Amino acid sequence: MDLELIPLCRVQATLASPLVVGPGPAGLRVIFDIQSVTVTGERLSGVMKGTSGADWLSISGEVGTLDVRATIETHDGALIFVQYRGRTNVSGGPGSPVYVAPTFETGDPRYAWLNSIQAAGVGSTEGNVITYDWFELR
């Protein structure tokens, strides 16, 4: 069985300074509030809606596990809840690849196709900005 990557969008997120909760059962917990998100692409484009987006990152050894949630408002007014988990090697420093697996939820019929897809993405950070390229898996 072949796997195809269909371009979905580019995502650029600006993160606030981290809140370091400290070590716990899941490892070192660090929370990054998301200040802004811009989504650009032929199939999906918009910006973050509201202020409740964040990454609840946990770090165990060299592995950072992302747990991100945000709401996107498309260029034509649809609301889409985006959630993804992912992994990165935190010892690699800035610019290390970040691999994620986004899923989507929306009640807007124009974007209902998003409800049934699995996406995958790769990104990297520069300062407090992370940029991803996301793809629909087929």
N, C-alpha and C. Protein backbone atom coordinates (compact mmCIF):
# COMPACT_ATOMS: atom_id res chain seq x y z
N MET A 1 0.85 -1.17 0.00
CA MET A 1 0.00 0.00 0.00
C MET A 1 0.90 1.23 0.00
N ASP A 2 0.62 2.17 -0.88
CA ASP A 2 1.41 3.40 -0.96
C ASP A 2 0.78 4.49 -0.11
N LEU A 3 1.62 5.38 0.37
CA LEU A 3 1.19 6.53 1.14
C LEU A 3 1.51 7.78 0.35
N GLU A 4 0.53 8.67 0.21
CA GLU A 4 0.70 9.89 -0.56
C GLU A 4 0.57 11.09 0.37
N LEU A 5 1.42 12.08 0.18
CA LEU A 5 1.37 13.33 0.94
C LEU A 5 0.80 14.42 0.04
N ILE A 6 -0.39 14.92 0.38
CA ILE A 6 -1.05 15.97 -0.39
C ILE A 6 -0.87 17.29 0.37
N PRO A 7 -0.22 18.29 -0.23
CA PRO A 7 -0.02 19.55 0.49
C PRO A 7 -1.33 20.12 1.02
N LEU A 8 -1.33 20.52 2.29
CA LEU A 8 -2.51 21.09 2.93
C LEU A 8 -2.31 22.57 3.22
N CYS A 9 -1.23 22.92 3.93
CA CYS A 9 -1.02 24.33 4.27
C CYS A 9 0.35 24.50 4.93
N ARG A 10 0.73 25.75 5.08
CA ARG A 10 1.88 26.14 5.91
C ARG A 10 1.31 26.82 7.13
N VAL A 11 1.84 26.50 8.29
CA VAL A 11 1.38 27.05 9.56
C VAL A 11 2.54 27.75 10.22
N GLN A 12 2.33 29.00 10.61
CA GLN A 12 3.35 29.75 11.34
C GLN A 12 2.74 30.22 12.66
N ALA A 13 3.35 29.80 13.77
CA ALA A 13 2.84 30.14 15.10
C ALA A 13 3.90 30.90 15.88
N THR A 14 3.45 31.96 16.55
CA THR A 14 4.31 32.72 17.45
C THR A 14 3.96 32.32 18.88
N LEU A 15 4.98 31.94 19.64
CA LEU A 15 4.79 31.42 20.99
C LEU A 15 5.22 32.45 22.03
N ALA A 16 4.49 32.46 23.15
CA ALA A 16 4.87 33.30 24.29
C ALA A 16 6.04 32.64 25.01
N SER A 17 6.62 33.36 25.96
CA SER A 17 7.69 32.79 26.78
C SER A 17 7.14 31.57 27.52
N PRO A 18 7.97 30.54 27.69
CA PRO A 18 7.48 29.30 28.30
C PRO A 18 7.16 29.46 29.78
N LEU A 19 6.15 28.71 30.21
CA LEU A 19 5.84 28.54 31.63
C LEU A 19 6.39 27.18 32.03
N VAL A 20 7.41 27.17 32.86
CA VAL A 20 8.04 25.92 33.26
C VAL A 20 7.36 25.43 34.53
N VAL A 21 6.53 24.40 34.39
CA VAL A 21 5.82 23.82 35.52
C VAL A 21 6.78 23.01 36.37
N GLY A 22 7.69 22.31 35.72
CA GLY A 22 8.68 21.50 36.42
C GLY A 22 8.47 20.03 36.18
N PRO A 23 9.31 19.19 36.82
CA PRO A 23 9.22 17.75 36.60
C PRO A 23 7.98 17.16 37.27
N GLY A 24 7.38 16.20 36.59
CA GLY A 24 6.21 15.50 37.10
C GLY A 24 6.15 14.12 36.51
N PRO A 25 4.99 13.46 36.63
CA PRO A 25 4.87 12.07 36.15
C PRO A 25 5.17 11.90 34.66
N ALA A 26 4.89 12.93 33.84
CA ALA A 26 5.11 12.82 32.39
C ALA A 26 6.47 13.36 31.97
N GLY A 27 7.27 13.81 32.92
CA GLY A 27 8.56 14.42 32.61
C GLY A 27 8.51 15.91 32.95
N LEU A 28 9.43 16.65 32.41
CA LEU A 28 9.46 18.10 32.62
C LEU A 28 8.33 18.73 31.83
N ARG A 29 7.43 19.44 32.48
CA ARG A 29 6.27 20.05 31.81
C ARG A 29 6.57 21.52 31.54
N VAL A 30 6.43 21.92 30.26
CA VAL A 30 6.64 23.29 29.83
C VAL A 30 5.43 23.68 28.98
N ILE A 31 4.80 24.79 29.30
CA ILE A 31 3.61 25.24 28.56
C ILE A 31 3.94 26.50 27.78
N PHE A 32 3.65 26.44 26.47
CA PHE A 32 3.83 27.59 25.60
C PHE A 32 2.46 28.09 25.16
N ASP A 33 2.02 29.25 25.64
CA ASP A 33 0.81 29.86 25.10
C ASP A 33 1.10 30.30 23.67
N ILE A 34 0.12 30.11 22.80
CA ILE A 34 0.26 30.53 21.41
C ILE A 34 -0.28 31.94 21.28
N GLN A 35 0.56 32.86 20.83
CA GLN A 35 0.15 34.25 20.67
C GLN A 35 -0.59 34.49 19.36
N SER A 36 -0.14 33.83 18.30
CA SER A 36 -0.80 34.00 17.00
C SER A 36 -0.47 32.82 16.11
N VAL A 37 -1.37 32.56 15.16
CA VAL A 37 -1.17 31.52 14.15
C VAL A 37 -1.65 32.07 12.82
N THR A 38 -0.87 31.84 11.78
CA THR A 38 -1.28 32.14 10.41
C THR A 38 -1.19 30.86 9.60
N VAL A 39 -2.27 30.53 8.93
CA VAL A 39 -2.35 29.33 8.09
C VAL A 39 -2.50 29.79 6.65
N THR A 40 -1.60 29.34 5.77
CA THR A 40 -1.66 29.73 4.37
C THR A 40 -1.60 28.50 3.48
N GLY A 41 -2.48 28.46 2.51
CA GLY A 41 -2.49 27.35 1.56
C GLY A 41 -3.69 27.46 0.65
N GLU A 42 -3.64 26.73 -0.45
CA GLU A 42 -4.76 26.75 -1.40
C GLU A 42 -5.99 26.06 -0.83
N ARG A 43 -5.80 25.05 0.02
CA ARG A 43 -6.92 24.29 0.55
C ARG A 43 -7.37 24.76 1.93
N LEU A 44 -6.47 25.40 2.67
CA LEU A 44 -6.79 25.83 4.02
C LEU A 44 -5.99 27.08 4.34
N SER A 45 -6.70 28.15 4.75
CA SER A 45 -6.02 29.38 5.16
C SER A 45 -6.86 30.08 6.20
N GLY A 46 -6.18 30.78 7.11
CA GLY A 46 -6.87 31.50 8.16
C GLY A 46 -5.91 31.94 9.25
N VAL A 47 -6.49 32.29 10.41
CA VAL A 47 -5.71 32.76 11.55
C VAL A 47 -6.30 32.16 12.83
N MET A 48 -5.52 32.20 13.91
CA MET A 48 -6.01 31.69 15.18
C MET A 48 -7.13 32.57 15.69
N LYS A 49 -8.16 31.95 16.23
CA LYS A 49 -9.31 32.64 16.81
C LYS A 49 -9.24 32.44 18.32
N GLY A 50 -9.40 33.51 19.07
CA GLY A 50 -9.38 33.41 20.53
C GLY A 50 -7.96 33.39 21.08
N THR A 51 -7.89 33.12 22.37
CA THR A 51 -6.59 33.15 23.05
C THR A 51 -6.32 31.86 23.81
N SER A 52 -7.03 30.79 23.49
CA SER A 52 -6.89 29.55 24.27
C SER A 52 -5.93 28.54 23.66
N GLY A 53 -5.16 28.89 22.64
CA GLY A 53 -4.22 27.95 22.05
C GLY A 53 -2.96 27.82 22.87
N ALA A 54 -2.45 26.58 23.00
CA ALA A 54 -1.21 26.36 23.73
C ALA A 54 -0.61 25.01 23.35
N ASP A 55 0.66 24.85 23.71
CA ASP A 55 1.37 23.58 23.60
C ASP A 55 1.74 23.16 25.01
N TRP A 56 1.22 22.01 25.43
CA TRP A 56 1.52 21.45 26.73
C TRP A 56 2.65 20.42 26.53
N LEU A 57 3.86 20.92 26.37
CA LEU A 57 5.03 20.12 26.05
C LEU A 57 5.51 19.35 27.28
N SER A 58 5.87 18.07 27.09
CA SER A 58 6.54 17.32 28.15
C SER A 58 7.88 16.82 27.59
N ILE A 59 8.90 16.87 28.45
CA ILE A 59 10.24 16.49 28.04
C ILE A 59 10.72 15.36 28.94
N SER A 60 11.14 14.28 28.31
CA SER A 60 11.70 13.14 29.03
C SER A 60 13.00 12.76 28.32
N GLY A 61 14.12 12.98 28.99
CA GLY A 61 15.41 12.75 28.35
C GLY A 61 15.59 13.73 27.20
N GLU A 62 15.85 13.20 26.02
CA GLU A 62 16.05 14.04 24.84
C GLU A 62 14.78 14.21 24.01
N VAL A 63 13.68 13.58 24.44
CA VAL A 63 12.45 13.58 23.66
C VAL A 63 11.46 14.60 24.19
N GLY A 64 11.04 15.52 23.31
CA GLY A 64 9.97 16.46 23.63
C GLY A 64 8.70 15.98 22.96
N THR A 65 7.62 15.83 23.74
CA THR A 65 6.33 15.39 23.20
C THR A 65 5.37 16.57 23.24
N LEU A 66 4.91 16.99 22.06
CA LEU A 66 4.00 18.11 21.94
C LEU A 66 2.56 17.65 22.14
N ASP A 67 1.75 18.55 22.69
CA ASP A 67 0.31 18.35 22.83
C ASP A 67 -0.30 19.73 22.62
N VAL A 68 -0.73 20.00 21.38
CA VAL A 68 -1.13 21.35 20.97
C VAL A 68 -2.60 21.38 20.60
N ARG A 69 -3.28 22.46 21.01
CA ARG A 69 -4.68 22.69 20.64
C ARG A 69 -4.88 24.17 20.34
N ALA A 70 -5.66 24.44 19.30
CA ALA A 70 -5.97 25.83 18.94
C ALA A 70 -7.22 25.83 18.06
N THR A 71 -7.82 27.00 17.91
CA THR A 71 -8.97 27.18 17.02
C THR A 71 -8.57 28.12 15.90
N ILE A 72 -8.86 27.71 14.68
CA ILE A 72 -8.54 28.50 13.50
C ILE A 72 -9.83 29.05 12.90
N GLU A 73 -9.81 30.32 12.51
CA GLU A 73 -10.90 30.89 11.73
C GLU A 73 -10.40 31.04 10.30
N THR A 74 -11.08 30.37 9.37
CA THR A 74 -10.64 30.41 7.98
C THR A 74 -10.89 31.79 7.38
N HIS A 75 -10.30 31.99 6.21
CA HIS A 75 -10.45 33.27 5.50
C HIS A 75 -11.91 33.58 5.18
N ASP A 76 -12.77 32.53 5.12
CA ASP A 76 -14.18 32.73 4.81
C ASP A 76 -15.10 32.47 6.00
N GLY A 77 -14.54 32.53 7.23
CA GLY A 77 -15.36 32.55 8.43
C GLY A 77 -15.69 31.23 9.11
N ALA A 78 -15.14 30.12 8.66
CA ALA A 78 -15.39 28.84 9.33
C ALA A 78 -14.48 28.69 10.54
N LEU A 79 -14.99 28.05 11.60
CA LEU A 79 -14.17 27.75 12.77
C LEU A 79 -13.76 26.29 12.73
N ILE A 80 -12.47 26.05 12.97
CA ILE A 80 -11.92 24.70 12.93
C ILE A 80 -11.04 24.50 14.16
N PHE A 81 -11.37 23.47 14.95
CA PHE A 81 -10.55 23.09 16.08
C PHE A 81 -9.43 22.20 15.56
N VAL A 82 -8.19 22.53 15.91
CA VAL A 82 -7.02 21.78 15.48
C VAL A 82 -6.33 21.23 16.72
N GLN A 83 -5.99 19.96 16.66
CA GLN A 83 -5.27 19.33 17.76
C GLN A 83 -4.17 18.46 17.16
N TYR A 84 -2.99 18.52 17.75
CA TYR A 84 -1.95 17.61 17.30
C TYR A 84 -0.96 17.28 18.40
N ARG A 85 -0.43 16.09 18.25
CA ARG A 85 0.68 15.64 19.09
C ARG A 85 1.87 15.47 18.16
N GLY A 86 3.03 15.43 18.75
CA GLY A 86 4.22 15.28 17.93
C GLY A 86 5.44 15.05 18.79
N ARG A 87 6.57 14.94 18.11
CA ARG A 87 7.84 14.67 18.79
C ARG A 87 8.95 15.50 18.20
N THR A 88 9.93 15.81 19.06
CA THR A 88 11.15 16.46 18.63
C THR A 88 12.28 16.02 19.54
N ASN A 89 13.50 16.13 19.06
CA ASN A 89 14.68 15.84 19.86
C ASN A 89 15.14 17.17 20.44
N VAL A 90 14.91 17.37 21.74
CA VAL A 90 15.21 18.67 22.36
C VAL A 90 16.70 18.92 22.49
N SER A 91 17.52 17.88 22.43
CA SER A 91 18.96 18.10 22.53
C SER A 91 19.56 18.62 21.23
N GLY A 92 18.78 18.58 20.15
CA GLY A 92 19.25 19.07 18.86
C GLY A 92 19.30 20.57 18.75
N GLY A 93 18.66 21.26 19.69
CA GLY A 93 18.69 22.72 19.70
C GLY A 93 17.72 23.34 18.72
N PRO A 94 17.74 24.68 18.62
CA PRO A 94 16.84 25.38 17.70
C PRO A 94 17.03 24.90 16.26
N GLY A 95 15.95 24.81 15.55
CA GLY A 95 16.01 24.35 14.17
C GLY A 95 15.87 22.85 14.01
N SER A 96 15.87 22.10 15.12
CA SER A 96 15.67 20.65 15.03
C SER A 96 14.27 20.37 14.49
N PRO A 97 14.11 19.33 13.68
CA PRO A 97 12.79 19.05 13.13
C PRO A 97 11.78 18.70 14.23
N VAL A 98 10.55 19.15 14.01
CA VAL A 98 9.42 18.85 14.88
C VAL A 98 8.41 18.12 14.00
N TYR A 99 8.07 16.88 14.37
CA TYR A 99 7.14 16.06 13.59
C TYR A 99 5.80 16.00 14.30
N VAL A 100 4.71 16.28 13.57
CA VAL A 100 3.39 16.36 14.19
C VAL A 100 2.35 15.62 13.36
N ALA A 101 1.20 15.30 14.02
CA ALA A 101 0.09 14.58 13.38
C ALA A 101 -1.22 15.30 13.70
N PRO A 102 -1.56 16.36 12.95
CA PRO A 102 -2.77 17.12 13.23
C PRO A 102 -4.06 16.40 12.83
N THR A 103 -5.11 16.64 13.64
CA THR A 103 -6.48 16.27 13.30
C THR A 103 -7.35 17.51 13.46
N PHE A 104 -8.53 17.46 12.85
CA PHE A 104 -9.40 18.64 12.77
C PHE A 104 -10.82 18.29 13.15
N GLU A 105 -11.54 19.30 13.68
CA GLU A 105 -12.97 19.17 13.95
C GLU A 105 -13.65 20.47 13.53
N THR A 106 -14.72 20.32 12.74
CA THR A 106 -15.51 21.48 12.35
C THR A 106 -16.93 21.05 12.05
N GLY A 107 -17.86 21.96 12.27
CA GLY A 107 -19.26 21.74 11.91
C GLY A 107 -19.61 22.45 10.61
N ASP A 108 -18.67 23.18 10.02
CA ASP A 108 -18.93 23.92 8.80
C ASP A 108 -18.88 22.96 7.61
N PRO A 109 -19.99 22.86 6.85
CA PRO A 109 -20.04 21.89 5.74
C PRO A 109 -18.97 22.12 4.67
N ARG A 110 -18.49 23.36 4.53
CA ARG A 110 -17.47 23.64 3.51
C ARG A 110 -16.14 22.96 3.84
N TYR A 111 -15.94 22.68 5.11
CA TYR A 111 -14.67 22.09 5.55
C TYR A 111 -14.87 20.73 6.22
N ALA A 112 -16.04 20.13 6.04
CA ALA A 112 -16.33 18.83 6.67
C ALA A 112 -15.33 17.76 6.25
N TRP A 113 -14.73 17.88 5.09
CA TRP A 113 -13.73 16.92 4.63
C TRP A 113 -12.55 16.83 5.59
N LEU A 114 -12.28 17.90 6.34
CA LEU A 114 -11.18 17.88 7.30
C LEU A 114 -11.44 16.90 8.46
N ASN A 115 -12.72 16.70 8.79
CA ASN A 115 -13.07 15.84 9.92
C ASN A 115 -12.60 14.40 9.73
N SER A 116 -12.41 13.97 8.50
CA SER A 116 -12.08 12.57 8.25
C SER A 116 -10.65 12.34 7.79
N ILE A 117 -9.83 13.38 7.77
CA ILE A 117 -8.45 13.16 7.32
C ILE A 117 -7.48 13.07 8.49
N GLN A 118 -6.35 12.46 8.21
CA GLN A 118 -5.20 12.51 9.12
C GLN A 118 -4.13 13.31 8.39
N ALA A 119 -3.59 14.29 9.07
CA ALA A 119 -2.52 15.09 8.49
C ALA A 119 -1.21 14.73 9.17
N ALA A 120 -0.12 15.10 8.53
CA ALA A 120 1.22 14.95 9.08
C ALA A 120 1.98 16.20 8.72
N GLY A 121 2.91 16.57 9.57
CA GLY A 121 3.66 17.77 9.28
C GLY A 121 5.05 17.73 9.87
N VAL A 122 5.88 18.61 9.35
CA VAL A 122 7.23 18.80 9.86
C VAL A 122 7.48 20.29 9.97
N GLY A 123 8.14 20.67 11.04
CA GLY A 123 8.41 22.08 11.27
C GLY A 123 9.74 22.30 11.94
N SER A 124 10.06 23.59 12.11
CA SER A 124 11.27 23.96 12.84
C SER A 124 11.03 25.32 13.49
N THR A 125 11.82 25.59 14.51
CA THR A 125 11.67 26.84 15.25
C THR A 125 12.82 27.78 14.92
N GLU A 126 12.48 29.06 15.00
CA GLU A 126 13.48 30.12 14.91
C GLU A 126 13.04 31.17 15.92
N GLY A 127 13.77 31.27 17.02
CA GLY A 127 13.35 32.16 18.09
C GLY A 127 12.06 31.64 18.69
N ASN A 128 11.04 32.51 18.79
CA ASN A 128 9.75 32.09 19.35
C ASN A 128 8.72 31.78 18.27
N VAL A 129 9.18 31.54 17.04
CA VAL A 129 8.28 31.23 15.92
C VAL A 129 8.55 29.81 15.44
N ILE A 130 7.48 29.05 15.28
CA ILE A 130 7.59 27.71 14.70
C ILE A 130 6.82 27.70 13.39
N THR A 131 7.42 27.13 12.37
CA THR A 131 6.81 27.06 11.04
C THR A 131 6.73 25.60 10.63
N TYR A 132 5.51 25.19 10.23
CA TYR A 132 5.25 23.82 9.80
C TYR A 132 4.78 23.81 8.35
N ASP A 133 5.05 22.71 7.67
CA ASP A 133 4.35 22.35 6.44
C ASP A 133 3.52 21.12 6.78
N TRP A 134 2.20 21.22 6.52
CA TRP A 134 1.27 20.14 6.82
C TRP A 134 0.77 19.52 5.53
N PHE A 135 0.56 18.19 5.60
CA PHE A 135 0.13 17.41 4.45
C PHE A 135 -1.01 16.49 4.85
N GLU A 136 -1.97 16.30 3.95
CA GLU A 136 -2.99 15.27 4.13
C GLU A 136 -2.38 13.94 3.73
N LEU A 137 -2.58 12.93 4.57
CA LEU A 137 -2.12 11.58 4.24
C LEU A 137 -3.21 10.86 3.46
N ARG A 138 -2.85 10.26 2.35
CA ARG A 138 -3.78 9.46 1.55
C ARG A 138 -3.14 8.15 1.17
